[in-house]
N, C-alpha and C. Protein backbone atom coordinates (compact mmCIF):
# COMPACT_ATOMS: atom_id res chain seq x y z
N MET A 1 0.81 -1.19 0.00
CA MET A 1 0.00 0.00 0.00
C MET A 1 0.86 1.26 0.00
N SER A 2 2.03 1.21 0.65
CA SER A 2 2.87 2.40 0.71
C SER A 2 3.45 2.72 -0.68
N GLU A 3 3.68 1.69 -1.52
CA GLU A 3 4.17 1.94 -2.87
C GLU A 3 3.15 2.70 -3.69
N LYS A 4 1.90 2.39 -3.53
CA LYS A 4 0.83 3.07 -4.26
C LYS A 4 0.72 4.52 -3.81
N LYS A 5 0.87 4.77 -2.53
CA LYS A 5 0.79 6.12 -2.00
C LYS A 5 1.94 6.97 -2.52
N ASN A 6 3.16 6.42 -2.57
CA ASN A 6 4.30 7.15 -3.10
C ASN A 6 4.12 7.50 -4.57
N TRP A 7 3.53 6.60 -5.34
CA TRP A 7 3.27 6.84 -6.74
C TRP A 7 2.31 8.01 -6.91
N LYS A 8 1.27 8.07 -6.09
CA LYS A 8 0.31 9.17 -6.17
C LYS A 8 0.97 10.50 -5.79
N ASN A 9 1.82 10.49 -4.76
CA ASN A 9 2.53 11.70 -4.37
C ASN A 9 3.47 12.19 -5.48
N ASP A 10 4.13 11.23 -6.15
CA ASP A 10 5.00 11.61 -7.27
C ASP A 10 4.19 12.25 -8.40
N LEU A 11 3.05 11.70 -8.68
CA LEU A 11 2.18 12.23 -9.73
C LEU A 11 1.70 13.65 -9.37
N ILE A 12 1.35 13.86 -8.12
CA ILE A 12 0.93 15.19 -7.66
C ILE A 12 2.09 16.17 -7.78
N LEU A 13 3.29 15.77 -7.40
CA LEU A 13 4.47 16.63 -7.50
C LEU A 13 4.75 17.01 -8.95
N VAL A 14 4.68 16.07 -9.87
CA VAL A 14 4.89 16.35 -11.29
C VAL A 14 3.84 17.32 -11.80
N GLY A 15 2.60 17.14 -11.40
CA GLY A 15 1.52 18.05 -11.81
C GLY A 15 1.74 19.46 -11.31
N VAL A 16 2.16 19.61 -10.06
CA VAL A 16 2.41 20.94 -9.49
C VAL A 16 3.58 21.60 -10.20
N LEU A 17 4.67 20.87 -10.44
CA LEU A 17 5.82 21.43 -11.15
C LEU A 17 5.45 21.84 -12.58
N LEU A 18 4.65 21.06 -13.24
CA LEU A 18 4.20 21.40 -14.58
C LEU A 18 3.36 22.67 -14.57
N ALA A 19 2.45 22.80 -13.62
CA ALA A 19 1.61 23.99 -13.52
C ALA A 19 2.44 25.24 -13.23
N VAL A 20 3.42 25.13 -12.35
CA VAL A 20 4.30 26.27 -12.02
C VAL A 20 5.11 26.68 -13.24
N SER A 21 5.63 25.73 -14.00
CA SER A 21 6.43 26.08 -15.18
C SER A 21 5.58 26.72 -16.27
N VAL A 22 4.36 26.26 -16.47
CA VAL A 22 3.46 26.89 -17.44
C VAL A 22 3.11 28.30 -17.00
N LEU A 23 2.84 28.50 -15.73
CA LEU A 23 2.54 29.82 -15.21
C LEU A 23 3.73 30.77 -15.38
N ALA A 24 4.93 30.30 -15.10
CA ALA A 24 6.13 31.13 -15.27
C ALA A 24 6.33 31.50 -16.74
N PHE A 25 6.10 30.56 -17.65
CA PHE A 25 6.21 30.82 -19.08
C PHE A 25 5.24 31.92 -19.52
N VAL A 26 3.99 31.83 -19.06
CA VAL A 26 2.98 32.82 -19.42
C VAL A 26 3.34 34.19 -18.86
N ILE A 27 3.76 34.25 -17.61
CA ILE A 27 4.12 35.53 -16.99
C ILE A 27 5.29 36.18 -17.73
N ILE A 28 6.30 35.41 -18.06
CA ILE A 28 7.47 35.96 -18.76
C ILE A 28 7.06 36.49 -20.13
N ASN A 29 6.29 35.73 -20.88
CA ASN A 29 5.91 36.16 -22.21
C ASN A 29 4.93 37.32 -22.22
N MET A 30 4.08 37.42 -21.22
CA MET A 30 3.07 38.48 -21.20
C MET A 30 3.57 39.77 -20.56
N PHE A 31 4.40 39.66 -19.53
CA PHE A 31 4.72 40.85 -18.75
C PHE A 31 6.19 41.25 -18.76
N VAL A 32 7.10 40.34 -19.01
CA VAL A 32 8.52 40.66 -18.91
C VAL A 32 9.10 41.07 -20.26
N LYS A 33 8.80 40.33 -21.31
CA LYS A 33 9.34 40.65 -22.63
C LYS A 33 8.71 41.93 -23.16
N LYS A 34 9.57 42.83 -23.65
CA LYS A 34 9.11 44.11 -24.18
C LYS A 34 8.93 44.00 -25.69
N PRO A 35 7.94 44.72 -26.23
CA PRO A 35 7.81 44.72 -27.69
C PRO A 35 9.02 45.40 -28.33
N GLY A 36 9.45 44.87 -29.45
CA GLY A 36 10.60 45.43 -30.14
C GLY A 36 10.21 46.50 -31.13
N ASP A 37 11.20 47.30 -31.54
CA ASP A 37 10.98 48.36 -32.52
C ASP A 37 11.69 48.07 -33.84
N LYS A 38 12.83 47.39 -33.76
CA LYS A 38 13.66 47.18 -34.94
C LYS A 38 14.07 45.72 -35.06
N VAL A 39 14.50 45.38 -36.26
CA VAL A 39 15.08 44.07 -36.53
C VAL A 39 16.48 44.29 -37.07
N ILE A 40 17.44 43.62 -36.46
CA ILE A 40 18.82 43.64 -36.93
C ILE A 40 19.09 42.31 -37.63
N VAL A 41 19.60 42.38 -38.86
CA VAL A 41 19.94 41.18 -39.61
C VAL A 41 21.46 41.14 -39.73
N LYS A 42 22.05 40.05 -39.25
CA LYS A 42 23.51 39.88 -39.30
C LYS A 42 23.85 38.65 -40.14
N VAL A 43 24.94 38.78 -40.88
CA VAL A 43 25.50 37.64 -41.61
C VAL A 43 26.94 37.48 -41.14
N ASP A 44 27.24 36.34 -40.58
CA ASP A 44 28.56 36.03 -40.04
C ASP A 44 29.02 37.10 -39.05
N GLY A 45 28.08 37.60 -38.23
CA GLY A 45 28.38 38.56 -37.18
C GLY A 45 28.38 40.01 -37.62
N LYS A 46 28.23 40.29 -38.90
CA LYS A 46 28.23 41.67 -39.40
C LYS A 46 26.81 42.11 -39.72
N VAL A 47 26.43 43.30 -39.24
CA VAL A 47 25.08 43.83 -39.50
C VAL A 47 24.97 44.20 -40.97
N VAL A 48 23.96 43.63 -41.64
CA VAL A 48 23.72 43.93 -43.05
C VAL A 48 22.43 44.71 -43.26
N HIS A 49 21.49 44.63 -42.32
CA HIS A 49 20.24 45.37 -42.41
C HIS A 49 19.78 45.75 -41.01
N GLU A 50 19.20 46.94 -40.91
CA GLU A 50 18.49 47.38 -39.71
C GLU A 50 17.13 47.85 -40.19
N LEU A 51 16.08 47.10 -39.82
CA LEU A 51 14.74 47.34 -40.35
C LEU A 51 13.76 47.68 -39.24
N SER A 52 12.79 48.51 -39.55
CA SER A 52 11.76 48.88 -38.58
C SER A 52 10.63 47.85 -38.61
N LEU A 53 10.15 47.48 -37.43
CA LEU A 53 9.01 46.56 -37.37
C LEU A 53 7.70 47.25 -37.73
N SER A 54 7.69 48.57 -37.74
CA SER A 54 6.46 49.30 -38.04
C SER A 54 6.24 49.49 -39.54
N GLN A 55 7.21 49.11 -40.36
CA GLN A 55 7.08 49.26 -41.81
C GLN A 55 7.18 47.90 -42.48
N ASP A 56 6.17 47.52 -43.24
CA ASP A 56 6.20 46.25 -43.95
C ASP A 56 7.34 46.26 -44.97
N THR A 57 8.17 45.22 -44.93
CA THR A 57 9.38 45.17 -45.74
C THR A 57 9.66 43.73 -46.15
N GLU A 58 10.35 43.60 -47.27
CA GLU A 58 10.82 42.29 -47.71
C GLU A 58 12.25 42.45 -48.21
N VAL A 59 13.18 41.67 -47.67
CA VAL A 59 14.58 41.72 -48.11
C VAL A 59 15.10 40.31 -48.36
N ILE A 60 16.00 40.22 -49.32
CA ILE A 60 16.70 38.97 -49.58
C ILE A 60 18.12 39.16 -49.06
N VAL A 61 18.55 38.26 -48.18
CA VAL A 61 19.88 38.35 -47.57
C VAL A 61 20.73 37.22 -48.13
N GLU A 62 21.91 37.58 -48.63
CA GLU A 62 22.84 36.56 -49.10
C GLU A 62 23.60 36.03 -47.90
N GLY A 63 23.55 34.74 -47.70
CA GLY A 63 24.19 34.13 -46.56
C GLY A 63 25.68 33.96 -46.75
N TYR A 64 26.33 33.46 -45.71
CA TYR A 64 27.76 33.19 -45.72
C TYR A 64 28.05 32.14 -46.78
N GLN A 65 28.98 32.39 -47.67
CA GLN A 65 29.37 31.49 -48.76
C GLN A 65 28.20 31.13 -49.66
N GLY A 66 27.33 32.12 -49.93
CA GLY A 66 26.22 31.89 -50.84
C GLY A 66 24.95 31.50 -50.12
N GLY A 67 23.93 31.20 -50.90
CA GLY A 67 22.63 30.88 -50.33
C GLY A 67 21.87 32.15 -50.02
N TYR A 68 20.58 32.00 -49.76
CA TYR A 68 19.78 33.18 -49.47
C TYR A 68 18.76 32.90 -48.38
N ASN A 69 18.32 33.98 -47.73
CA ASN A 69 17.21 33.96 -46.78
C ASN A 69 16.31 35.14 -47.14
N GLU A 70 15.03 34.87 -47.32
CA GLU A 70 14.06 35.93 -47.58
C GLU A 70 13.41 36.30 -46.25
N ILE A 71 13.59 37.55 -45.83
CA ILE A 71 13.05 38.02 -44.55
C ILE A 71 11.91 38.99 -44.84
N ILE A 72 10.79 38.75 -44.19
CA ILE A 72 9.60 39.58 -44.38
C ILE A 72 9.19 40.17 -43.04
N ILE A 73 8.85 41.46 -43.07
CA ILE A 73 8.25 42.12 -41.91
C ILE A 73 6.85 42.54 -42.33
N GLU A 74 5.86 42.01 -41.60
CA GLU A 74 4.45 42.31 -41.86
C GLU A 74 3.71 42.45 -40.55
N TYR A 75 2.88 43.46 -40.46
CA TYR A 75 2.01 43.66 -39.29
C TYR A 75 2.78 43.68 -37.97
N GLY A 76 4.02 44.16 -38.00
CA GLY A 76 4.81 44.25 -36.77
C GLY A 76 5.54 42.97 -36.38
N TYR A 77 5.53 41.98 -37.24
CA TYR A 77 6.21 40.70 -36.98
C TYR A 77 7.25 40.45 -38.06
N ALA A 78 8.37 39.83 -37.67
CA ALA A 78 9.42 39.45 -38.62
C ALA A 78 9.47 37.94 -38.73
N LYS A 79 9.77 37.45 -39.94
CA LYS A 79 9.91 36.01 -40.14
C LYS A 79 10.83 35.76 -41.33
N VAL A 80 11.42 34.58 -41.35
CA VAL A 80 12.16 34.12 -42.52
C VAL A 80 11.15 33.35 -43.36
N ASN A 81 10.81 33.92 -44.51
CA ASN A 81 9.76 33.35 -45.35
C ASN A 81 10.25 32.17 -46.18
N SER A 82 11.48 32.28 -46.67
CA SER A 82 12.05 31.17 -47.43
C SER A 82 13.57 31.21 -47.34
N ALA A 83 14.18 30.06 -47.59
CA ALA A 83 15.64 29.94 -47.57
C ALA A 83 16.01 28.70 -48.36
N ASP A 84 17.24 28.68 -48.86
CA ASP A 84 17.68 27.51 -49.61
C ASP A 84 18.64 26.62 -48.82
N CYS A 85 18.58 26.74 -47.49
CA CYS A 85 19.39 25.85 -46.65
C CYS A 85 18.73 24.46 -46.61
N PRO A 86 19.48 23.42 -46.29
CA PRO A 86 18.95 22.06 -46.38
C PRO A 86 17.78 21.77 -45.44
N ASP A 87 17.82 22.23 -44.20
CA ASP A 87 16.79 21.85 -43.23
C ASP A 87 15.67 22.87 -43.08
N GLU A 88 15.90 24.11 -43.48
CA GLU A 88 14.92 25.21 -43.39
C GLU A 88 14.34 25.40 -41.99
N LEU A 89 15.15 25.16 -40.95
CA LEU A 89 14.68 25.38 -39.58
C LEU A 89 14.33 26.85 -39.35
N CYS A 90 15.06 27.75 -40.00
CA CYS A 90 14.79 29.18 -39.84
C CYS A 90 13.41 29.54 -40.39
N VAL A 91 13.00 28.89 -41.45
CA VAL A 91 11.68 29.15 -42.05
C VAL A 91 10.57 28.67 -41.10
N HIS A 92 10.82 27.56 -40.43
CA HIS A 92 9.81 26.97 -39.55
C HIS A 92 9.84 27.56 -38.14
N SER A 93 10.70 28.55 -37.89
CA SER A 93 10.80 29.16 -36.56
C SER A 93 9.61 30.05 -36.22
N GLY A 94 8.84 30.45 -37.20
CA GLY A 94 7.68 31.30 -36.93
C GLY A 94 8.05 32.77 -36.94
N THR A 95 7.19 33.57 -36.29
CA THR A 95 7.38 35.02 -36.29
C THR A 95 7.95 35.49 -34.95
N ILE A 96 8.62 36.64 -35.00
CA ILE A 96 9.17 37.24 -33.79
C ILE A 96 8.79 38.71 -33.76
N ASP A 97 8.58 39.25 -32.55
CA ASP A 97 8.25 40.67 -32.42
C ASP A 97 8.68 41.27 -31.08
N LYS A 98 9.17 40.46 -30.16
CA LYS A 98 9.56 40.95 -28.84
C LYS A 98 11.08 41.09 -28.76
N SER A 99 11.53 42.08 -28.01
CA SER A 99 12.95 42.36 -27.86
C SER A 99 13.70 41.13 -27.35
N GLY A 100 14.79 40.79 -28.02
CA GLY A 100 15.60 39.64 -27.63
C GLY A 100 15.28 38.37 -28.38
N GLU A 101 14.16 38.31 -29.07
CA GLU A 101 13.82 37.10 -29.83
C GLU A 101 14.69 37.04 -31.09
N THR A 102 15.06 35.84 -31.48
CA THR A 102 15.92 35.67 -32.65
C THR A 102 15.45 34.50 -33.51
N ILE A 103 15.83 34.58 -34.77
CA ILE A 103 15.74 33.47 -35.70
C ILE A 103 17.14 33.28 -36.26
N VAL A 104 17.62 32.04 -36.27
CA VAL A 104 18.99 31.76 -36.69
C VAL A 104 18.98 30.74 -37.82
N CYS A 105 19.76 31.02 -38.85
CA CYS A 105 20.01 30.06 -39.93
C CYS A 105 21.49 29.70 -39.85
N LEU A 106 21.79 28.55 -39.29
CA LEU A 106 23.18 28.14 -39.09
C LEU A 106 23.94 27.91 -40.39
N PRO A 107 23.37 27.24 -41.39
CA PRO A 107 24.16 27.02 -42.62
C PRO A 107 24.59 28.33 -43.29
N HIS A 108 23.74 29.36 -43.23
CA HIS A 108 24.07 30.63 -43.88
C HIS A 108 24.66 31.66 -42.91
N ARG A 109 24.73 31.30 -41.63
CA ARG A 109 25.22 32.20 -40.58
C ARG A 109 24.43 33.51 -40.54
N VAL A 110 23.13 33.40 -40.67
CA VAL A 110 22.24 34.56 -40.64
C VAL A 110 21.51 34.59 -39.31
N VAL A 111 21.51 35.76 -38.66
CA VAL A 111 20.78 35.95 -37.40
C VAL A 111 19.83 37.13 -37.59
N VAL A 112 18.56 36.91 -37.30
CA VAL A 112 17.54 37.95 -37.31
C VAL A 112 17.15 38.18 -35.86
N GLU A 113 17.38 39.39 -35.35
CA GLU A 113 17.15 39.68 -33.93
C GLU A 113 16.30 40.93 -33.77
N VAL A 114 15.31 40.84 -32.89
CA VAL A 114 14.47 41.99 -32.57
C VAL A 114 15.11 42.74 -31.41
N ILE A 115 15.18 44.07 -31.55
CA ILE A 115 15.70 44.92 -30.48
C ILE A 115 14.71 46.03 -30.21
N SER A 116 14.81 46.63 -29.03
CA SER A 116 13.99 47.80 -28.73
C SER A 116 14.77 49.04 -29.12
N GLY A 117 14.06 50.10 -29.39
CA GLY A 117 14.68 51.32 -29.88
C GLY A 117 15.56 52.04 -28.89
N ASN A 118 15.32 51.84 -27.60
CA ASN A 118 16.08 52.55 -26.56
C ASN A 118 17.31 51.76 -26.16
N ASN A 119 18.26 51.60 -26.91
CA ASN A 119 19.42 50.74 -26.70
C ASN A 119 20.08 50.94 -25.33
N GLU A 120 19.33 50.74 -24.27
CA GLU A 120 19.87 50.85 -22.91
C GLU A 120 20.69 49.62 -22.59
N ILE A 121 21.75 49.81 -21.83
CA ILE A 121 22.60 48.69 -21.44
C ILE A 121 22.01 48.04 -20.20
N ASP A 122 21.74 46.73 -20.29
CA ASP A 122 21.21 45.98 -19.15
C ASP A 122 22.32 45.59 -18.19
N ALA A 123 23.47 45.20 -18.73
CA ALA A 123 24.58 44.75 -17.91
C ALA A 123 25.87 44.94 -18.68
N GLU A 124 26.95 45.02 -17.94
CA GLU A 124 28.26 45.16 -18.57
C GLU A 124 29.15 44.05 -18.03
N VAL A 125 29.79 43.32 -18.95
CA VAL A 125 30.66 42.23 -18.56
C VAL A 125 32.09 42.65 -18.83
N ARG A 126 32.96 42.43 -17.85
CA ARG A 126 34.38 42.78 -18.03
C ARG A 126 35.23 41.56 -17.91
């Protein structure tokens, strides 16, 4: 009988931990992340485009050693619409609009990052 009781307690603990993690995820996404103003596009660490999220735009970015990524900004969201990389994980990443969110294409070394307009320093590392 004690084995059955321990199993139920473990199940309750897993349920509570799952509920707390879902709640933390919702709070962070709803209240902590700030909406972004701009999108920075980097290829191999170098900024190639700085785009406003408030203006609908479409750009084709040439990746590292060839290849392309088509980046679209619509309705305040940025996404990689198409790419010629083998796995297309960047295309399937969805849309981003909050400061700090990124889409990365590893084969082309392309990073699409949302930033806020007030480039305040959060921390300094020495």
